[in-house]
Amino acid sequence: MARIAGVNIPTNKRVVIALRYIHGIGPSFAKEICERVGVEESRRVNQLTDAEVIKIRETIDADYMVEGDLRRDTSMNIKRLMDLGCYRGLRHRKKLPVRGQRTHTNARTRKGPAKPIAGKKK
């Protein structure tokens, strides 16, 4: 089992698909990494040599922000907005939608289950 960026990569999947298990690597970055290292996209992870796995690991460490660093960076950006007290920060603080969605009837995922209000019946 290959371990890259602190994540156990599934061995029976294609390399392009398996790299997506790392937080911060999606379809385009996975293809880009395969091209840089010189690994065919159709090969499986269990067919890779140790040298190829090491090349992939070094490429990711050098050129991409993944896993813990990416999560930390994202949370620090949100915390910065909250500390500034800007509109987006206030929306994060209140756990409401941040990007202009309507909240009168929707946004149940963000707001949580509906709470009944006493005496609201008409």
N, C-alpha and C. Protein backbone atom coordinates (compact mmCIF):
# COMPACT_ATOMS: atom_id res chain seq x y z
N MET A 1 0.84 -1.18 0.00
CA MET A 1 0.00 0.00 0.00
C MET A 1 0.89 1.24 0.00
N ALA A 2 0.68 2.12 -0.97
CA ALA A 2 1.47 3.33 -1.07
C ALA A 2 0.93 4.38 -0.10
N ARG A 3 1.84 5.09 0.54
CA ARG A 3 1.45 6.16 1.46
C ARG A 3 2.05 7.46 0.96
N ILE A 4 1.18 8.38 0.55
CA ILE A 4 1.62 9.66 0.01
C ILE A 4 0.93 10.78 0.78
N ALA A 5 1.70 11.73 1.26
CA ALA A 5 1.19 12.90 2.00
C ALA A 5 0.36 12.49 3.21
N GLY A 6 0.74 11.38 3.86
CA GLY A 6 0.04 10.94 5.05
C GLY A 6 -1.26 10.21 4.79
N VAL A 7 -1.51 9.84 3.52
CA VAL A 7 -2.77 9.16 3.16
C VAL A 7 -2.43 7.82 2.53
N ASN A 8 -3.10 6.78 2.96
CA ASN A 8 -2.94 5.48 2.33
C ASN A 8 -3.71 5.45 1.02
N ILE A 9 -2.99 5.29 -0.08
CA ILE A 9 -3.59 5.29 -1.41
C ILE A 9 -4.08 3.87 -1.71
N PRO A 10 -5.32 3.73 -2.22
CA PRO A 10 -5.80 2.38 -2.58
C PRO A 10 -4.96 1.78 -3.70
N THR A 11 -4.59 0.51 -3.55
CA THR A 11 -3.63 -0.10 -4.48
C THR A 11 -4.26 -0.63 -5.76
N ASN A 12 -5.53 -0.96 -5.74
CA ASN A 12 -6.12 -1.59 -6.93
C ASN A 12 -6.75 -0.59 -7.89
N LYS A 13 -6.66 0.71 -7.60
CA LYS A 13 -7.24 1.72 -8.49
C LYS A 13 -6.17 2.29 -9.41
N ARG A 14 -6.63 2.98 -10.50
CA ARG A 14 -5.70 3.66 -11.39
C ARG A 14 -5.04 4.81 -10.65
N VAL A 15 -3.85 5.18 -11.08
CA VAL A 15 -3.07 6.19 -10.38
C VAL A 15 -3.82 7.53 -10.32
N VAL A 16 -4.44 7.92 -11.44
CA VAL A 16 -5.13 9.21 -11.49
C VAL A 16 -6.29 9.25 -10.50
N ILE A 17 -6.98 8.15 -10.36
CA ILE A 17 -8.11 8.07 -9.43
C ILE A 17 -7.60 8.00 -7.99
N ALA A 18 -6.56 7.24 -7.75
CA ALA A 18 -6.05 7.04 -6.39
C ALA A 18 -5.48 8.33 -5.81
N LEU A 19 -4.86 9.16 -6.64
CA LEU A 19 -4.28 10.41 -6.14
C LEU A 19 -5.36 11.36 -5.62
N ARG A 20 -6.58 11.20 -6.09
CA ARG A 20 -7.67 12.07 -5.66
C ARG A 20 -8.07 11.83 -4.21
N TYR A 21 -7.60 10.74 -3.62
CA TYR A 21 -7.90 10.48 -2.22
C TYR A 21 -7.16 11.45 -1.30
N ILE A 22 -6.19 12.17 -1.83
CA ILE A 22 -5.45 13.15 -1.06
C ILE A 22 -6.22 14.47 -1.10
N HIS A 23 -6.46 15.06 0.05
CA HIS A 23 -7.20 16.32 0.14
C HIS A 23 -6.39 17.41 -0.56
N GLY A 24 -7.00 18.05 -1.55
CA GLY A 24 -6.32 19.11 -2.28
C GLY A 24 -5.89 18.70 -3.67
N ILE A 25 -6.05 17.43 -4.02
CA ILE A 25 -5.72 16.96 -5.37
C ILE A 25 -7.01 16.47 -6.03
N GLY A 26 -7.36 17.11 -7.13
CA GLY A 26 -8.54 16.74 -7.88
C GLY A 26 -8.15 16.15 -9.21
N PRO A 27 -9.09 16.08 -10.14
CA PRO A 27 -8.82 15.46 -11.44
C PRO A 27 -7.69 16.13 -12.23
N SER A 28 -7.70 17.45 -12.30
CA SER A 28 -6.69 18.13 -13.12
C SER A 28 -5.31 18.04 -12.49
N PHE A 29 -5.21 18.21 -11.16
CA PHE A 29 -3.91 18.09 -10.51
C PHE A 29 -3.38 16.67 -10.60
N ALA A 30 -4.26 15.67 -10.51
CA ALA A 30 -3.83 14.27 -10.61
C ALA A 30 -3.23 13.99 -11.99
N LYS A 31 -3.89 14.49 -13.05
CA LYS A 31 -3.35 14.32 -14.40
C LYS A 31 -2.01 15.02 -14.54
N GLU A 32 -1.92 16.24 -14.00
CA GLU A 32 -0.70 17.03 -14.08
C GLU A 32 0.47 16.32 -13.38
N ILE A 33 0.20 15.73 -12.23
CA ILE A 33 1.25 15.01 -11.49
C ILE A 33 1.72 13.81 -12.29
N CYS A 34 0.78 13.06 -12.88
CA CYS A 34 1.16 11.89 -13.69
C CYS A 34 2.02 12.30 -14.88
N GLU A 35 1.69 13.42 -15.52
CA GLU A 35 2.48 13.88 -16.66
C GLU A 35 3.88 14.29 -16.22
N ARG A 36 3.99 14.99 -15.10
CA ARG A 36 5.30 15.43 -14.60
C ARG A 36 6.21 14.25 -14.27
N VAL A 37 5.64 13.25 -13.60
CA VAL A 37 6.44 12.10 -13.16
C VAL A 37 6.70 11.15 -14.32
N GLY A 38 5.82 11.15 -15.32
CA GLY A 38 5.98 10.26 -16.46
C GLY A 38 5.33 8.91 -16.26
N VAL A 39 4.23 8.90 -15.50
CA VAL A 39 3.49 7.67 -15.25
C VAL A 39 2.24 7.70 -16.12
N GLU A 40 1.95 6.59 -16.78
CA GLU A 40 0.73 6.51 -17.59
C GLU A 40 -0.48 6.51 -16.66
N GLU A 41 -1.54 7.19 -17.09
CA GLU A 41 -2.74 7.31 -16.27
C GLU A 41 -3.47 5.98 -16.12
N SER A 42 -3.29 5.09 -17.06
CA SER A 42 -4.02 3.82 -17.04
C SER A 42 -3.40 2.79 -16.09
N ARG A 43 -2.18 3.03 -15.63
CA ARG A 43 -1.52 2.07 -14.73
C ARG A 43 -2.16 2.09 -13.34
N ARG A 44 -2.09 0.94 -12.70
CA ARG A 44 -2.63 0.80 -11.36
C ARG A 44 -1.54 1.13 -10.34
N VAL A 45 -1.96 1.46 -9.12
CA VAL A 45 -1.00 1.82 -8.08
C VAL A 45 -0.10 0.64 -7.72
N ASN A 46 -0.66 -0.58 -7.72
CA ASN A 46 0.16 -1.74 -7.36
C ASN A 46 1.18 -2.09 -8.44
N GLN A 47 1.06 -1.50 -9.64
CA GLN A 47 2.04 -1.73 -10.70
C GLN A 47 3.19 -0.73 -10.65
N LEU A 48 3.09 0.29 -9.80
CA LEU A 48 4.14 1.30 -9.71
C LEU A 48 5.36 0.75 -8.98
N THR A 49 6.53 1.19 -9.42
CA THR A 49 7.76 0.83 -8.71
C THR A 49 7.94 1.77 -7.53
N ASP A 50 8.84 1.39 -6.62
CA ASP A 50 9.11 2.24 -5.46
C ASP A 50 9.66 3.59 -5.89
N ALA A 51 10.47 3.61 -6.93
CA ALA A 51 11.06 4.85 -7.41
C ALA A 51 9.97 5.81 -7.93
N GLU A 52 8.98 5.26 -8.63
CA GLU A 52 7.89 6.10 -9.14
C GLU A 52 7.05 6.67 -7.99
N VAL A 53 6.81 5.86 -6.98
CA VAL A 53 6.05 6.33 -5.82
C VAL A 53 6.81 7.45 -5.12
N ILE A 54 8.12 7.29 -5.01
CA ILE A 54 8.94 8.33 -4.38
C ILE A 54 8.92 9.60 -5.21
N LYS A 55 8.97 9.48 -6.55
CA LYS A 55 8.90 10.65 -7.42
C LYS A 55 7.58 11.38 -7.24
N ILE A 56 6.49 10.62 -7.19
CA ILE A 56 5.16 11.22 -6.99
C ILE A 56 5.12 11.95 -5.65
N ARG A 57 5.62 11.30 -4.60
CA ARG A 57 5.62 11.89 -3.26
C ARG A 57 6.42 13.20 -3.24
N GLU A 58 7.60 13.19 -3.86
CA GLU A 58 8.45 14.38 -3.89
C GLU A 58 7.80 15.51 -4.68
N THR A 59 7.16 15.16 -5.81
CA THR A 59 6.48 16.18 -6.62
C THR A 59 5.36 16.84 -5.83
N ILE A 60 4.58 16.04 -5.13
CA ILE A 60 3.47 16.59 -4.35
C ILE A 60 4.00 17.46 -3.21
N ASP A 61 5.03 16.98 -2.52
CA ASP A 61 5.59 17.76 -1.41
C ASP A 61 6.16 19.09 -1.88
N ALA A 62 6.79 19.09 -3.06
CA ALA A 62 7.46 20.30 -3.54
C ALA A 62 6.49 21.33 -4.12
N ASP A 63 5.48 20.89 -4.87
CA ASP A 63 4.72 21.81 -5.70
C ASP A 63 3.26 22.03 -5.29
N TYR A 64 2.71 21.22 -4.39
CA TYR A 64 1.28 21.31 -4.08
C TYR A 64 1.06 21.46 -2.59
N MET A 65 0.05 22.24 -2.23
CA MET A 65 -0.36 22.35 -0.83
C MET A 65 -1.51 21.36 -0.62
N VAL A 66 -1.27 20.35 0.19
CA VAL A 66 -2.26 19.29 0.39
C VAL A 66 -2.44 19.00 1.88
N GLU A 67 -3.47 18.23 2.16
CA GLU A 67 -3.81 17.71 3.49
C GLU A 67 -3.75 18.76 4.59
N GLY A 68 -2.93 18.57 5.60
CA GLY A 68 -2.93 19.41 6.80
C GLY A 68 -2.64 20.87 6.51
N ASP A 69 -1.66 21.13 5.64
CA ASP A 69 -1.31 22.52 5.32
C ASP A 69 -2.48 23.23 4.65
N LEU A 70 -3.15 22.55 3.73
CA LEU A 70 -4.28 23.14 3.03
C LEU A 70 -5.45 23.39 3.98
N ARG A 71 -5.74 22.41 4.84
CA ARG A 71 -6.83 22.57 5.81
C ARG A 71 -6.53 23.73 6.77
N ARG A 72 -5.28 23.81 7.22
CA ARG A 72 -4.88 24.88 8.13
C ARG A 72 -5.01 26.24 7.44
N ASP A 73 -4.57 26.32 6.18
CA ASP A 73 -4.63 27.57 5.43
C ASP A 73 -6.09 28.02 5.25
N THR A 74 -6.96 27.09 4.91
CA THR A 74 -8.38 27.41 4.72
C THR A 74 -9.00 27.90 6.02
N SER A 75 -8.73 27.19 7.11
CA SER A 75 -9.32 27.60 8.39
C SER A 75 -8.77 28.94 8.86
N MET A 76 -7.50 29.22 8.57
CA MET A 76 -6.93 30.52 8.94
C MET A 76 -7.56 31.65 8.11
N ASN A 77 -7.86 31.39 6.83
CA ASN A 77 -8.52 32.39 6.01
C ASN A 77 -9.92 32.72 6.55
N ILE A 78 -10.65 31.67 6.95
CA ILE A 78 -11.99 31.88 7.52
C ILE A 78 -11.90 32.63 8.84
N LYS A 79 -10.92 32.25 9.67
CA LYS A 79 -10.73 32.91 10.97
C LYS A 79 -10.38 34.38 10.77
N ARG A 80 -9.57 34.68 9.75
CA ARG A 80 -9.21 36.06 9.46
C ARG A 80 -10.45 36.89 9.11
N LEU A 81 -11.32 36.32 8.28
CA LEU A 81 -12.56 37.01 7.91
C LEU A 81 -13.43 37.26 9.14
N MET A 82 -13.49 36.27 10.03
CA MET A 82 -14.31 36.41 11.23
C MET A 82 -13.73 37.48 12.15
N ASP A 83 -12.41 37.53 12.29
CA ASP A 83 -11.78 38.52 13.16
C ASP A 83 -11.93 39.94 12.60
N LEU A 84 -11.90 40.07 11.26
CA LEU A 84 -12.09 41.38 10.65
C LEU A 84 -13.48 41.94 10.91
N GLY A 85 -14.44 41.05 10.99
CA GLY A 85 -15.82 41.48 11.18
C GLY A 85 -16.48 41.92 9.89
N CYS A 86 -15.94 41.50 8.75
CA CYS A 86 -16.54 41.84 7.47
C CYS A 86 -17.81 40.99 7.28
N TYR A 87 -18.55 41.29 6.23
CA TYR A 87 -19.82 40.62 6.01
C TYR A 87 -19.65 39.11 5.93
N ARG A 88 -18.68 38.67 5.13
CA ARG A 88 -18.46 37.22 4.99
C ARG A 88 -18.09 36.60 6.33
N GLY A 89 -17.28 37.31 7.12
CA GLY A 89 -16.90 36.81 8.43
C GLY A 89 -18.09 36.69 9.36
N LEU A 90 -18.99 37.66 9.31
CA LEU A 90 -20.20 37.60 10.15
C LEU A 90 -21.08 36.43 9.75
N ARG A 91 -21.19 36.18 8.44
CA ARG A 91 -21.99 35.05 7.96
C ARG A 91 -21.38 33.73 8.44
N HIS A 92 -20.04 33.62 8.40
CA HIS A 92 -19.39 32.41 8.92
C HIS A 92 -19.67 32.27 10.42
N ARG A 93 -19.57 33.38 11.14
CA ARG A 93 -19.74 33.36 12.58
C ARG A 93 -21.15 32.89 12.96
N LYS A 94 -22.16 33.33 12.18
CA LYS A 94 -23.55 32.96 12.46
C LYS A 94 -23.94 31.63 11.85
N LYS A 95 -23.00 31.00 11.14
CA LYS A 95 -23.25 29.72 10.45
C LYS A 95 -24.40 29.83 9.46
N LEU A 96 -24.35 30.89 8.66
CA LEU A 96 -25.32 31.10 7.59
C LEU A 96 -24.61 31.03 6.25
N PRO A 97 -25.34 30.89 5.14
CA PRO A 97 -24.69 30.86 3.83
C PRO A 97 -23.89 32.14 3.58
N VAL A 98 -22.71 31.99 2.98
CA VAL A 98 -21.77 33.09 2.84
C VAL A 98 -21.87 33.75 1.47
N ARG A 99 -22.27 33.03 0.46
CA ARG A 99 -22.13 33.51 -0.91
C ARG A 99 -23.43 34.00 -1.53
N GLY A 100 -24.28 34.63 -0.76
CA GLY A 100 -25.44 35.32 -1.31
C GLY A 100 -26.66 34.46 -1.58
N GLN A 101 -26.71 33.24 -1.07
CA GLN A 101 -27.88 32.41 -1.30
C GLN A 101 -29.05 32.92 -0.45
N ARG A 102 -30.27 32.60 -0.89
CA ARG A 102 -31.43 33.01 -0.12
C ARG A 102 -31.56 32.14 1.13
N THR A 103 -32.08 32.71 2.20
CA THR A 103 -32.22 31.94 3.45
C THR A 103 -33.66 31.93 3.94
N HIS A 104 -34.56 32.62 3.24
CA HIS A 104 -35.95 32.66 3.71
C HIS A 104 -36.58 31.27 3.69
N THR A 105 -36.40 30.53 2.58
CA THR A 105 -37.02 29.22 2.50
C THR A 105 -36.00 28.09 2.45
N ASN A 106 -34.79 28.34 1.99
CA ASN A 106 -33.82 27.26 1.83
C ASN A 106 -32.71 27.37 2.87
N ALA A 107 -31.54 26.84 2.56
CA ALA A 107 -30.36 26.87 3.43
C ALA A 107 -30.51 25.97 4.64
N ARG A 108 -31.28 24.89 4.50
CA ARG A 108 -31.48 23.99 5.64
C ARG A 108 -30.21 23.24 6.00
N THR A 109 -29.35 22.96 5.01
CA THR A 109 -28.11 22.25 5.31
C THR A 109 -27.25 23.09 6.24
N ARG A 110 -27.15 24.37 5.95
CA ARG A 110 -26.29 25.25 6.72
C ARG A 110 -26.93 25.64 8.06
N LYS A 111 -28.26 25.88 8.07
CA LYS A 111 -28.93 26.36 9.27
C LYS A 111 -29.32 25.22 10.22
N GLY A 112 -29.38 24.00 9.71
CA GLY A 112 -29.79 22.88 10.54
C GLY A 112 -31.27 22.62 10.39
N PRO A 113 -31.80 21.62 11.09
CA PRO A 113 -33.22 21.29 10.96
C PRO A 113 -34.09 22.45 11.42
N ALA A 114 -35.28 22.55 10.81
CA ALA A 114 -36.20 23.65 11.12
C ALA A 114 -36.68 23.55 12.55
N LYS A 115 -36.72 24.70 13.25
CA LYS A 115 -37.18 24.76 14.62
C LYS A 115 -38.59 25.36 14.62
N PRO A 116 -39.55 24.68 15.21
CA PRO A 116 -40.91 25.23 15.22
C PRO A 116 -40.99 26.45 16.12
N ILE A 117 -41.81 27.43 15.72
CA ILE A 117 -42.00 28.65 16.49
C ILE A 117 -43.38 28.59 17.13
N ALA A 118 -43.45 28.82 18.45
CA ALA A 118 -44.72 28.71 19.18
C ALA A 118 -45.69 29.80 18.73
N GLY A 119 -46.95 29.43 18.50
CA GLY A 119 -48.00 30.39 18.14
C GLY A 119 -47.89 30.91 16.73
N LYS A 120 -47.26 30.19 15.85
CA LYS A 120 -47.07 30.65 14.47
C LYS A 120 -48.25 30.28 13.58
N LYS A 121 -49.12 29.33 14.00
CA LYS A 121 -50.22 28.88 13.15
C LYS A 121 -51.14 30.02 12.81
N LYS A 122 -51.66 29.95 11.58
CA LYS A 122 -52.63 31.00 11.17
C LYS A 122 -53.99 30.37 11.00
